[in-house]
N, C-alpha and C. Protein backbone atom coordinates (compact mmCIF):
# COMPACT_ATOMS: atom_id res chain seq x y z
N MET A 1 -32.62 5.48 -14.27
CA MET A 1 -31.30 5.69 -14.80
C MET A 1 -30.93 4.46 -15.64
N LYS A 2 -30.40 4.70 -16.83
CA LYS A 2 -30.00 3.61 -17.71
C LYS A 2 -28.55 3.22 -17.41
N LEU A 3 -28.34 1.93 -17.21
CA LEU A 3 -27.01 1.42 -16.89
C LEU A 3 -26.36 0.83 -18.13
N SER A 4 -25.04 0.95 -18.19
CA SER A 4 -24.29 0.32 -19.28
C SER A 4 -24.24 -1.19 -19.03
N LYS A 5 -23.77 -1.92 -20.03
CA LYS A 5 -23.64 -3.38 -19.90
C LYS A 5 -22.73 -3.73 -18.71
N GLU A 6 -21.61 -3.02 -18.61
CA GLU A 6 -20.67 -3.28 -17.52
C GLU A 6 -21.29 -2.96 -16.16
N GLU A 7 -22.03 -1.85 -16.08
CA GLU A 7 -22.68 -1.47 -14.83
C GLU A 7 -23.75 -2.49 -14.43
N LYS A 8 -24.49 -3.01 -15.42
CA LYS A 8 -25.50 -4.03 -15.13
C LYS A 8 -24.85 -5.31 -14.59
N GLU A 9 -23.70 -5.66 -15.16
CA GLU A 9 -22.98 -6.84 -14.69
C GLU A 9 -22.52 -6.66 -13.25
N ILE A 10 -21.99 -5.50 -12.93
CA ILE A 10 -21.54 -5.20 -11.57
C ILE A 10 -22.73 -5.23 -10.61
N GLU A 11 -23.84 -4.63 -11.02
CA GLU A 11 -25.04 -4.62 -10.18
C GLU A 11 -25.54 -6.03 -9.92
N SER A 12 -25.53 -6.87 -10.95
CA SER A 12 -25.98 -8.25 -10.82
C SER A 12 -25.09 -9.02 -9.85
N LEU A 13 -23.78 -8.85 -9.97
CA LEU A 13 -22.84 -9.52 -9.05
C LEU A 13 -23.05 -9.05 -7.62
N TYR A 14 -23.26 -7.76 -7.46
CA TYR A 14 -23.46 -7.20 -6.12
C TYR A 14 -24.74 -7.74 -5.49
N GLU A 15 -25.82 -7.72 -6.27
CA GLU A 15 -27.11 -8.17 -5.74
C GLU A 15 -27.14 -9.66 -5.43
N SER A 16 -26.34 -10.45 -6.14
CA SER A 16 -26.31 -11.90 -5.89
C SER A 16 -25.24 -12.29 -4.88
N ASN A 17 -24.63 -11.28 -4.27
CA ASN A 17 -23.56 -11.52 -3.30
C ASN A 17 -22.39 -12.30 -3.89
N SER A 18 -22.17 -12.15 -5.19
CA SER A 18 -21.07 -12.83 -5.87
C SER A 18 -19.88 -11.89 -6.09
N PHE A 19 -19.97 -10.75 -5.53
CA PHE A 19 -18.94 -9.73 -5.72
C PHE A 19 -17.77 -10.04 -4.80
N GLU A 20 -16.60 -10.27 -5.38
CA GLU A 20 -15.43 -10.63 -4.59
C GLU A 20 -14.35 -9.57 -4.75
N LEU A 21 -13.91 -9.03 -3.64
CA LEU A 21 -12.83 -8.05 -3.67
C LEU A 21 -11.50 -8.76 -3.47
N ARG A 22 -10.52 -8.34 -4.28
CA ARG A 22 -9.19 -8.93 -4.15
C ARG A 22 -8.19 -7.81 -3.88
N LYS A 23 -7.11 -8.18 -3.23
CA LYS A 23 -6.04 -7.23 -2.97
C LYS A 23 -5.28 -6.99 -4.28
N PRO A 24 -5.07 -5.70 -4.64
CA PRO A 24 -4.36 -5.42 -5.90
C PRO A 24 -2.90 -5.86 -5.82
N ASP A 25 -2.37 -6.28 -6.98
CA ASP A 25 -0.97 -6.70 -6.99
C ASP A 25 -0.05 -5.48 -6.96
N LYS A 26 1.24 -5.74 -6.73
CA LYS A 26 2.21 -4.65 -6.57
C LYS A 26 2.35 -3.80 -7.82
N ALA A 27 2.27 -4.41 -9.00
CA ALA A 27 2.39 -3.65 -10.25
C ALA A 27 1.25 -2.65 -10.39
N LEU A 28 0.03 -3.08 -10.08
CA LEU A 28 -1.12 -2.18 -10.15
C LEU A 28 -0.99 -1.06 -9.13
N LEU A 29 -0.55 -1.38 -7.93
CA LEU A 29 -0.37 -0.36 -6.90
C LEU A 29 0.65 0.69 -7.33
N ARG A 30 1.77 0.24 -7.95
CA ARG A 30 2.78 1.18 -8.46
C ARG A 30 2.18 2.08 -9.54
N GLN A 31 1.41 1.48 -10.44
CA GLN A 31 0.78 2.24 -11.52
C GLN A 31 -0.20 3.27 -10.96
N LEU A 32 -1.01 2.88 -10.00
CA LEU A 32 -1.98 3.80 -9.40
C LEU A 32 -1.28 4.92 -8.63
N LYS A 33 -0.20 4.58 -7.94
CA LYS A 33 0.56 5.59 -7.20
C LYS A 33 1.15 6.62 -8.15
N ALA A 34 1.73 6.16 -9.25
CA ALA A 34 2.31 7.08 -10.24
C ALA A 34 1.24 7.98 -10.84
N ALA A 35 0.09 7.40 -11.14
CA ALA A 35 -1.01 8.19 -11.72
C ALA A 35 -1.48 9.24 -10.73
N ALA A 36 -1.60 8.87 -9.46
CA ALA A 36 -2.03 9.83 -8.44
C ALA A 36 -1.02 10.96 -8.28
N GLU A 37 0.25 10.61 -8.25
CA GLU A 37 1.28 11.65 -8.12
C GLU A 37 1.26 12.61 -9.29
N ASN A 38 1.09 12.09 -10.49
CA ASN A 38 1.04 12.95 -11.68
C ASN A 38 -0.22 13.80 -11.72
N THR A 39 -1.31 13.27 -11.20
CA THR A 39 -2.57 14.00 -11.20
C THR A 39 -2.50 15.22 -10.30
N PHE A 40 -1.88 15.07 -9.15
CA PHE A 40 -1.87 16.15 -8.17
C PHE A 40 -0.61 17.00 -8.21
N LYS A 41 0.29 16.69 -9.12
CA LYS A 41 1.53 17.44 -9.25
C LYS A 41 1.23 18.79 -9.89
N LYS A 42 1.53 19.84 -9.19
CA LYS A 42 1.31 21.19 -9.70
C LYS A 42 2.67 21.84 -9.89
N ASP A 43 3.17 21.79 -11.13
CA ASP A 43 4.51 22.29 -11.37
C ASP A 43 4.56 23.51 -12.29
N ARG A 44 3.41 24.08 -12.62
CA ARG A 44 3.39 25.29 -13.44
C ARG A 44 2.53 26.34 -12.76
N ARG A 45 2.96 27.57 -12.87
CA ARG A 45 2.23 28.68 -12.26
C ARG A 45 1.76 29.61 -13.39
N ILE A 46 0.53 30.12 -13.26
CA ILE A 46 0.02 31.09 -14.23
C ILE A 46 -0.57 32.28 -13.50
N ASN A 47 -0.68 33.38 -14.18
CA ASN A 47 -1.41 34.55 -13.68
C ASN A 47 -2.57 34.78 -14.61
N ILE A 48 -3.71 35.14 -14.06
CA ILE A 48 -4.90 35.33 -14.86
C ILE A 48 -5.71 36.48 -14.28
N ARG A 49 -6.29 37.29 -15.13
CA ARG A 49 -7.16 38.38 -14.69
C ARG A 49 -8.60 37.94 -14.86
N LEU A 50 -9.40 38.15 -13.81
CA LEU A 50 -10.82 37.82 -13.82
C LEU A 50 -11.64 39.03 -13.43
N SER A 51 -12.87 39.04 -13.87
CA SER A 51 -13.77 40.10 -13.41
C SER A 51 -14.10 39.87 -11.94
N GLU A 52 -14.45 40.92 -11.25
CA GLU A 52 -14.84 40.81 -9.84
C GLU A 52 -16.02 39.85 -9.69
N HIS A 53 -16.97 39.97 -10.60
CA HIS A 53 -18.17 39.12 -10.56
C HIS A 53 -17.78 37.63 -10.64
N ASP A 54 -16.89 37.28 -11.61
CA ASP A 54 -16.46 35.89 -11.75
C ASP A 54 -15.69 35.41 -10.54
N MET A 55 -14.81 36.26 -10.02
CA MET A 55 -14.00 35.87 -8.86
C MET A 55 -14.87 35.59 -7.65
N VAL A 56 -15.84 36.44 -7.40
CA VAL A 56 -16.75 36.24 -6.27
C VAL A 56 -17.55 34.96 -6.47
N GLY A 57 -17.99 34.73 -7.70
CA GLY A 57 -18.74 33.51 -7.99
C GLY A 57 -17.90 32.26 -7.76
N ILE A 58 -16.66 32.28 -8.22
CA ILE A 58 -15.76 31.14 -8.02
C ILE A 58 -15.52 30.90 -6.54
N GLN A 59 -15.28 31.96 -5.79
CA GLN A 59 -15.06 31.82 -4.35
C GLN A 59 -16.30 31.27 -3.65
N ARG A 60 -17.46 31.70 -4.09
CA ARG A 60 -18.71 31.22 -3.48
C ARG A 60 -18.90 29.73 -3.74
N VAL A 61 -18.69 29.30 -4.99
CA VAL A 61 -18.83 27.88 -5.33
C VAL A 61 -17.80 27.05 -4.56
N ALA A 62 -16.56 27.52 -4.52
CA ALA A 62 -15.51 26.80 -3.80
C ALA A 62 -15.86 26.66 -2.32
N ALA A 63 -16.40 27.72 -1.73
CA ALA A 63 -16.77 27.67 -0.31
C ALA A 63 -17.86 26.65 -0.07
N THR A 64 -18.83 26.56 -0.98
CA THR A 64 -19.91 25.58 -0.79
C THR A 64 -19.39 24.15 -0.93
N LYS A 65 -18.33 23.98 -1.72
CA LYS A 65 -17.73 22.65 -1.89
C LYS A 65 -16.68 22.36 -0.82
N GLY A 66 -16.30 23.38 -0.06
CA GLY A 66 -15.32 23.19 1.01
C GLY A 66 -13.90 23.03 0.50
N ILE A 67 -13.59 23.68 -0.63
CA ILE A 67 -12.24 23.59 -1.19
C ILE A 67 -11.71 24.99 -1.47
N PRO A 68 -10.40 25.16 -1.55
CA PRO A 68 -9.85 26.47 -1.92
C PRO A 68 -10.24 26.83 -3.36
N TYR A 69 -10.43 28.12 -3.62
CA TYR A 69 -10.86 28.52 -4.96
C TYR A 69 -9.82 28.18 -6.02
N GLN A 70 -8.52 28.20 -5.66
CA GLN A 70 -7.49 27.83 -6.63
C GLN A 70 -7.64 26.37 -7.05
N SER A 71 -7.99 25.51 -6.10
CA SER A 71 -8.20 24.10 -6.41
C SER A 71 -9.40 23.91 -7.33
N LEU A 72 -10.44 24.69 -7.10
CA LEU A 72 -11.62 24.62 -7.97
C LEU A 72 -11.24 25.01 -9.39
N ILE A 73 -10.53 26.11 -9.55
CA ILE A 73 -10.12 26.57 -10.88
C ILE A 73 -9.23 25.53 -11.55
N SER A 74 -8.26 25.01 -10.82
CA SER A 74 -7.35 24.00 -11.36
C SER A 74 -8.12 22.76 -11.78
N GLY A 75 -9.07 22.34 -10.96
CA GLY A 75 -9.87 21.16 -11.27
C GLY A 75 -10.72 21.35 -12.52
N LEU A 76 -11.29 22.54 -12.66
CA LEU A 76 -12.10 22.83 -13.84
C LEU A 76 -11.25 22.82 -15.11
N ILE A 77 -10.07 23.40 -15.03
CA ILE A 77 -9.17 23.40 -16.19
C ILE A 77 -8.79 21.96 -16.54
N HIS A 78 -8.48 21.15 -15.54
CA HIS A 78 -8.12 19.75 -15.78
C HIS A 78 -9.28 18.99 -16.44
N GLN A 79 -10.49 19.19 -15.93
CA GLN A 79 -11.66 18.52 -16.51
C GLN A 79 -11.86 18.93 -17.97
N PHE A 80 -11.66 20.21 -18.26
CA PHE A 80 -11.80 20.69 -19.63
C PHE A 80 -10.76 20.05 -20.54
N VAL A 81 -9.51 20.03 -20.10
CA VAL A 81 -8.43 19.47 -20.90
C VAL A 81 -8.67 17.98 -21.18
N GLU A 82 -9.19 17.26 -20.18
CA GLU A 82 -9.44 15.83 -20.34
C GLU A 82 -10.72 15.54 -21.12
N GLY A 83 -11.49 16.58 -21.45
CA GLY A 83 -12.72 16.38 -22.22
C GLY A 83 -13.92 16.02 -21.37
N ASP A 84 -13.80 16.20 -20.05
CA ASP A 84 -14.91 15.87 -19.16
C ASP A 84 -15.92 17.00 -19.04
N LEU A 85 -15.56 18.21 -19.46
CA LEU A 85 -16.50 19.32 -19.49
C LEU A 85 -16.89 19.53 -20.95
N ILE A 86 -18.18 19.67 -21.18
CA ILE A 86 -18.64 19.89 -22.54
C ILE A 86 -19.41 21.19 -22.62
N GLU A 87 -19.38 21.81 -23.78
CA GLU A 87 -20.10 23.05 -23.97
C GLU A 87 -21.58 22.77 -24.15
N LYS A 88 -22.42 23.67 -23.62
CA LYS A 88 -23.85 23.57 -23.85
C LYS A 88 -24.12 23.93 -25.30
N SER A 89 -25.03 23.18 -25.92
CA SER A 89 -25.38 23.52 -27.29
C SER A 89 -26.28 24.75 -27.27
N LYS A 90 -26.08 25.62 -28.22
CA LYS A 90 -26.87 26.85 -28.29
C LYS A 90 -28.13 26.58 -29.09
N GLY A 91 -29.24 27.00 -28.49
CA GLY A 91 -30.48 26.87 -29.26
C GLY A 91 -31.53 26.11 -28.58
């Protein structure tokens, strides 16, 4: 696996036992808390029609991951919107 420059630096610090963890300051904790609340805030409802085949497939995948199928669908939509899901190139 090829590591980025930043990942190599982290690996080097870890392997040399030079890795030091610090307690985050209050401003960072507030920022992280706000980000977490916004990430998990579900304030819109939609209705969607799916084929039986797709619905069964979604439920099967969700069951193997141990999460509700609605959470799986919501997570996939979020990943798509954030650009974390990419389309396969055809050909």
